[in-house]
Every structure is written in structure tokens, then in C-alpha cells.
Amino acid sequence: MTESVAELSVPRRIGLVEDHESVAIGLSAMLGPQPDLMLVATVGTVAELLKHPECRLGDTWSLDLVVLDLRLADDSTPEDNVRTLRENGVEVLVFTGAENPYLVRSAAQAGVLGVLRKSEGEAAVVAAVRRAASGEQVVTTDWAAALDGDPQLSRVGLSPRQEEVLTLYASGEKASRVARLTGLSEQTVNDYLGRIRQKYADAGRPAPTKTELYKRAVEDGWLPVPEHRRP
């Protein structure tokens, strides 16, 4: 059904969650001239967005779309961010360099409207935001590939507690330290690690060493992709 003139005269309200200033400036410049799209807030985390005063109309939190980067400085996971936003009644368009297929896949499977590369041209970005802000899916090859997934990279089905133990241990903590941080016994932590390794092995992604567990945690988005620093 075609939207009425009255509906079209009200700009779609967009929130951007992005912690790279240059990207935020670029998207703002792209959307600024568009009368039907209004970028009302740019923040670095989903938590900040939920509290942002410009995202409210009266007492109601009101956005038509959130454009979300996958890798944020607060180490949040794409899946959790997408779930939180959708629970608050707003759809999500991922805007990413797509450098980590595991993070893209995680977001896609959480129910985003699309996955858009930051390398796309201005016309493509504006068109994608416009469609997503209207509630339409933005079908791209990245989004489709992420939904299809890779049978060699199957999810291992970790419980929240197992995810917590994996994240701490794979980031460099010793089992005794993980036990203190989680309130578990050291034996329980070691039992969890054994089960985690078994799940990865069953999924065809063995992780017998701590280094391999670190790689799996990065692949699945539990830990951030390490930055490559220039010498």
C-alpha cells in the first residue's frame, strides 16, 4: 500500500550506534540532505542510545531504525545488541566493514533487517537506510551469506555460564582467577572448560589448547577481533 502524503511528510527517526567518529560524520552527511530521514542521535553503545533524550517523543522511546556497527568499544556482542534493540521496539540495520563473518552471522541470525557494508557508495547507503526505516528488508549478498552460514562454522550452543567462563579464560585468565570472578569452584570451571572443548570438537571446530579456545571465542564474537597495530 502506498504511504499517504502525511506519512511521508514526517521524517523517519534514525539512531546510530557507532564509535568511530569519521563513520558517524560520514553517515550524518549522507542523511542530512534527505527530508524523509532524520539522524536524531549518534552514540557509542546501545546502552547510551536507550538513555538518549533525543530518542524520545514525550515519554515514549521512539525510533524507526537503529543503524548498528558490529564491533563496539564496550565489547558487547552483536546478538545481544540486536536483541536489546528489538525488545525495545526498533528494527536494526547493520553497518559494518564485514571484516569478521562470525559477527555478521551473529547479527543476521538475531533478526536484523539487513547487513550493509561501509564501503558502499552514498546512494546505496541512503537507499538502504530509507528501506530499513520503512520496515523493509535490505537484501545484500553479505546478509544472505550470513543467514545461510557455513556448515564448518556451526554454533556450539554454549550456555550463558559457559560463555562467561570461555570469555574470561580465553582472554588470558587462569582457571583459579575465573573461579574467583564467577563465584564458581576451580573444579567447576575446569568441568565447564572440558564441556566447552567437547562442544567445539563435536561441531568440527576442535579447541584442545588455550590458544585455540581464544581463536574460537574471537570467531564466535565472544571476544573482540584483535587490532592490528602499526609498528
Protein backbone atom coordinates (compact mmCIF):
# COMPACT_ATOMS: atom_id res chain seq x y z
CA MET A 1 0.00 0.00 0.00
CA THR A 2 1.29 3.47 -0.88
CA GLU A 3 2.05 5.74 2.09
CA SER A 4 -0.06 8.85 2.44
CA VAL A 5 1.35 12.35 1.89
CA ALA A 6 1.00 12.99 5.63
CA GLU A 7 3.06 9.91 6.47
CA LEU A 8 5.77 10.88 4.00
CA SER A 9 5.99 14.39 5.46
CA VAL A 10 7.13 13.02 8.83
CA PRO A 11 10.83 12.10 8.70
CA ARG A 12 11.87 8.64 9.78
CA ARG A 13 13.82 8.89 13.03
CA ILE A 14 17.22 7.17 12.92
CA GLY A 15 19.65 6.33 15.70
CA LEU A 16 23.29 5.46 15.01
CA VAL A 17 25.39 3.27 17.31
CA GLU A 18 28.96 3.74 16.09
CA ASP A 19 32.16 4.53 17.99
CA HIS A 20 34.25 5.72 15.04
CA GLU A 21 33.80 9.46 14.62
CA SER A 22 34.67 9.52 10.93
CA VAL A 23 31.95 6.96 10.12
CA ALA A 24 29.40 8.89 12.18
CA ILE A 25 30.29 12.14 10.41
CA GLY A 26 30.03 10.42 7.03
CA LEU A 27 26.60 8.93 7.65
CA SER A 28 25.35 12.22 9.06
CA ALA A 29 26.50 13.98 5.89
CA MET A 30 24.73 11.39 3.73
CA LEU A 31 21.43 11.57 5.58
CA GLY A 32 21.43 15.32 6.28
CA PRO A 33 20.06 16.38 2.87
CA GLN A 34 17.30 13.74 2.94
CA PRO A 35 13.99 15.34 4.06
CA ASP A 36 12.45 11.97 4.92
CA LEU A 37 15.32 10.76 7.12
CA MET A 38 16.42 12.35 10.39
CA LEU A 39 19.51 11.21 12.29
CA VAL A 40 18.46 12.13 15.82
CA ALA A 41 21.23 10.54 17.88
CA THR A 42 24.77 9.22 17.43
CA VAL A 43 26.26 7.27 20.34
CA GLY A 44 28.93 4.68 21.00
CA THR A 45 26.84 1.98 22.72
CA VAL A 46 23.32 0.63 22.75
CA ALA A 47 23.03 1.49 26.45
CA GLU A 48 23.75 5.15 25.65
CA LEU A 49 21.17 5.13 22.89
CA LEU A 50 18.45 3.83 25.18
CA LYS A 51 19.06 6.77 27.54
CA HIS A 52 19.48 9.46 24.88
CA PRO A 53 16.88 12.23 25.26
CA GLU A 54 16.60 12.84 21.51
CA CYS A 55 15.35 9.28 21.06
CA ARG A 56 12.16 10.12 22.92
CA LEU A 57 8.93 11.73 21.84
CA GLY A 58 7.36 12.86 25.07
CA ASP A 59 7.55 9.92 27.47
CA THR A 60 7.91 7.35 24.68
CA TRP A 61 11.19 5.99 23.35
CA SER A 62 10.74 6.47 19.62
CA LEU A 63 12.97 5.50 16.71
CA ASP A 64 12.13 4.00 13.35
CA LEU A 65 15.54 2.40 12.88
CA VAL A 66 18.91 1.89 14.51
CA VAL A 67 22.00 1.69 12.32
CA LEU A 68 24.42 -0.51 14.26
CA ASP A 69 28.14 -1.14 13.99
CA LEU A 70 29.13 -4.67 14.98
CA ARG A 71 32.39 -4.02 16.82
CA LEU A 72 31.97 -1.57 19.67
CA ALA A 73 34.44 -0.48 22.33
CA ASP A 74 32.29 -1.82 25.18
CA ASP A 75 32.90 -5.40 23.92
CA SER A 76 29.16 -6.03 23.61
CA THR A 77 28.07 -8.77 21.24
CA PRO A 78 26.05 -8.07 18.08
CA GLU A 79 23.47 -10.66 19.08
CA ASP A 80 22.85 -9.03 22.47
CA ASN A 81 22.71 -5.54 20.96
CA VAL A 82 20.22 -6.54 18.28
CA ARG A 83 18.08 -8.41 20.80
CA THR A 84 18.03 -5.44 23.18
CA LEU A 85 17.03 -3.01 20.45
CA ARG A 86 14.30 -5.23 19.09
CA GLU A 87 12.94 -5.79 22.60
CA ASN A 88 12.60 -2.00 22.76
CA GLY A 89 10.53 -2.00 19.59
CA VAL A 90 13.04 -0.83 16.99
CA GLU A 91 14.47 -2.64 13.97
CA VAL A 92 18.17 -2.75 13.14
CA LEU A 93 20.31 -2.26 10.04
CA VAL A 94 23.91 -3.42 10.46
CA PHE A 95 26.53 -1.05 9.04
CA THR A 96 29.88 -2.80 9.02
CA GLY A 97 33.23 -3.31 7.39
CA ALA A 98 32.24 -7.02 7.37
CA GLU A 99 35.77 -7.93 8.44
CA ASN A 100 34.51 -10.68 10.76
CA PRO A 101 31.99 -13.09 9.19
CA TYR A 102 31.17 -14.57 12.59
CA LEU A 103 29.95 -11.23 13.92
CA VAL A 104 27.95 -10.62 10.74
CA ARG A 105 26.38 -14.04 11.06
CA SER A 106 25.54 -13.49 14.72
CA ALA A 107 23.74 -10.23 13.96
CA ALA A 108 21.94 -11.62 10.91
CA GLN A 109 20.61 -14.56 12.89
CA ALA A 110 19.41 -12.23 15.65
CA GLY A 111 16.91 -10.73 13.22
CA VAL A 112 18.32 -7.59 11.59
CA LEU A 113 16.69 -6.09 8.51
CA GLY A 114 19.95 -6.20 6.60
CA VAL A 115 23.74 -6.04 6.58
CA LEU A 116 25.28 -3.09 4.76
CA ARG A 117 28.98 -2.59 4.07
CA LYS A 118 30.57 0.72 4.99
CA SER A 119 32.34 0.63 1.63
CA GLU A 120 29.05 1.11 -0.26
CA GLY A 121 28.51 4.37 -2.10
CA GLU A 122 26.34 7.18 -0.80
CA ALA A 123 23.33 6.35 -2.97
CA ALA A 124 23.32 2.72 -1.86
CA VAL A 125 23.67 3.64 1.82
CA VAL A 126 20.84 6.20 1.71
CA ALA A 127 18.57 3.81 -0.17
CA ALA A 128 19.26 1.01 2.30
CA VAL A 129 18.59 3.23 5.33
CA ARG A 130 15.37 4.51 3.73
CA ARG A 131 14.11 1.00 3.07
CA ALA A 132 15.04 -0.30 6.51
CA ALA A 133 13.49 2.73 8.23
CA SER A 134 10.25 1.82 6.46
CA GLY A 135 10.46 -1.70 7.86
CA GLU A 136 11.64 -3.37 4.65
CA GLN A 137 14.43 -5.93 4.49
CA VAL A 138 17.63 -4.83 2.81
CA VAL A 139 18.81 -7.91 0.94
CA THR A 140 22.55 -7.97 0.23
CA THR A 141 24.96 -10.80 -0.51
CA ASP A 142 26.56 -10.33 2.94
CA TRP A 143 23.20 -10.63 4.67
CA ALA A 144 22.18 -13.68 2.65
CA ALA A 145 25.51 -15.40 3.20
CA ALA A 146 25.34 -14.71 6.92
CA LEU A 147 21.87 -16.25 7.16
CA ASP A 148 22.97 -19.30 5.19
CA GLY A 149 26.00 -19.65 7.42
CA ASP A 150 28.86 -22.04 6.93
CA PRO A 151 28.40 -25.67 7.99
CA GLN A 152 32.06 -25.71 9.04
CA LEU A 153 31.42 -22.85 11.44
CA SER A 154 28.36 -24.18 13.20
CA ARG A 155 27.32 -22.75 16.52
CA VAL A 156 28.26 -24.80 19.53
CA GLY A 157 25.30 -23.93 21.75
CA LEU A 158 27.09 -22.66 24.83
CA SER A 159 25.03 -21.75 27.87
CA PRO A 160 25.35 -18.21 29.26
CA ARG A 161 27.53 -19.54 32.10
CA GLN A 162 29.76 -21.39 29.64
CA GLU A 163 30.07 -18.24 27.53
CA GLU A 164 31.16 -16.31 30.64
CA VAL A 165 33.79 -18.91 31.55
CA LEU A 166 35.07 -19.12 27.96
CA THR A 167 35.34 -15.35 27.62
CA LEU A 168 37.31 -14.95 30.83
CA TYR A 169 39.56 -17.96 30.31
CA ALA A 170 40.25 -17.33 26.62
CA SER A 171 41.07 -13.68 27.32
CA GLY A 172 44.03 -14.83 29.42
CA GLU A 173 42.73 -15.51 32.93
CA LYS A 174 43.81 -18.64 34.77
CA ALA A 175 41.15 -21.12 35.87
CA SER A 176 41.65 -20.12 39.51
CA ARG A 177 41.05 -16.47 38.64
CA VAL A 178 37.97 -17.35 36.56
CA ALA A 179 36.64 -19.23 39.58
CA ARG A 180 37.03 -16.17 41.81
CA LEU A 181 35.45 -13.84 39.24
CA THR A 182 32.44 -16.08 38.64
CA GLY A 183 31.91 -17.41 42.16
CA LEU A 184 32.43 -20.97 40.98
CA SER A 185 34.86 -23.54 42.31
CA GLU A 186 38.02 -24.12 40.30
CA GLN A 187 36.92 -27.71 39.67
CA THR A 188 33.60 -26.46 38.26
CA VAL A 189 35.44 -24.04 35.98
CA ASN A 190 37.61 -26.89 34.70
CA ASP A 191 34.49 -29.01 34.17
CA TYR A 192 32.93 -26.17 32.15
CA LEU A 193 36.10 -25.85 30.06
CA GLY A 194 36.01 -29.58 29.36
CA ARG A 195 32.39 -29.37 28.20
CA ILE A 196 33.15 -26.29 26.08
CA ARG A 197 36.03 -28.09 24.37
CA GLN A 198 33.79 -31.10 23.77
CA LYS A 199 31.09 -28.94 22.18
CA TYR A 200 33.62 -27.36 19.83
CA ALA A 201 35.02 -30.77 18.95
CA ASP A 202 31.50 -32.10 18.25
CA ALA A 203 30.92 -29.10 15.96
CA GLY A 204 34.06 -29.95 13.98
CA ARG A 205 35.96 -26.98 15.42
CA PRO A 206 38.36 -28.55 17.93
CA ALA A 207 39.98 -26.33 20.56
CA PRO A 208 42.34 -28.51 22.61
CA THR A 209 44.61 -25.65 23.69
CA LYS A 210 44.02 -22.27 25.31
CA THR A 211 45.19 -20.57 22.10
CA GLU A 212 42.61 -22.49 20.10
CA LEU A 213 39.90 -21.57 22.60
CA TYR A 214 40.89 -17.93 22.15
CA LYS A 215 40.53 -18.29 18.38
CA ARG A 216 37.08 -19.87 18.75
CA ALA A 217 35.98 -17.12 21.15
CA VAL A 218 37.05 -14.48 18.61
CA GLU A 219 35.39 -16.35 15.74
CA ASP A 220 32.08 -16.55 17.58
CA GLY A 221 32.14 -12.95 18.74
CA TRP A 222 32.68 -13.57 22.46
CA LEU A 223 35.97 -11.67 22.28
CA PRO A 224 36.82 -8.72 20.01
CA VAL A 225 38.97 -9.18 16.93
CA PRO A 226 42.48 -8.03 17.89
CA GLU A 227 43.51 -4.70 16.41
CA HIS A 228 46.48 -4.77 14.04
CA ARG A 229 48.77 -2.03 15.25
CA ARG A 230 51.33 -0.40 13.05
CA PRO A 231 54.89 -0.77 14.31
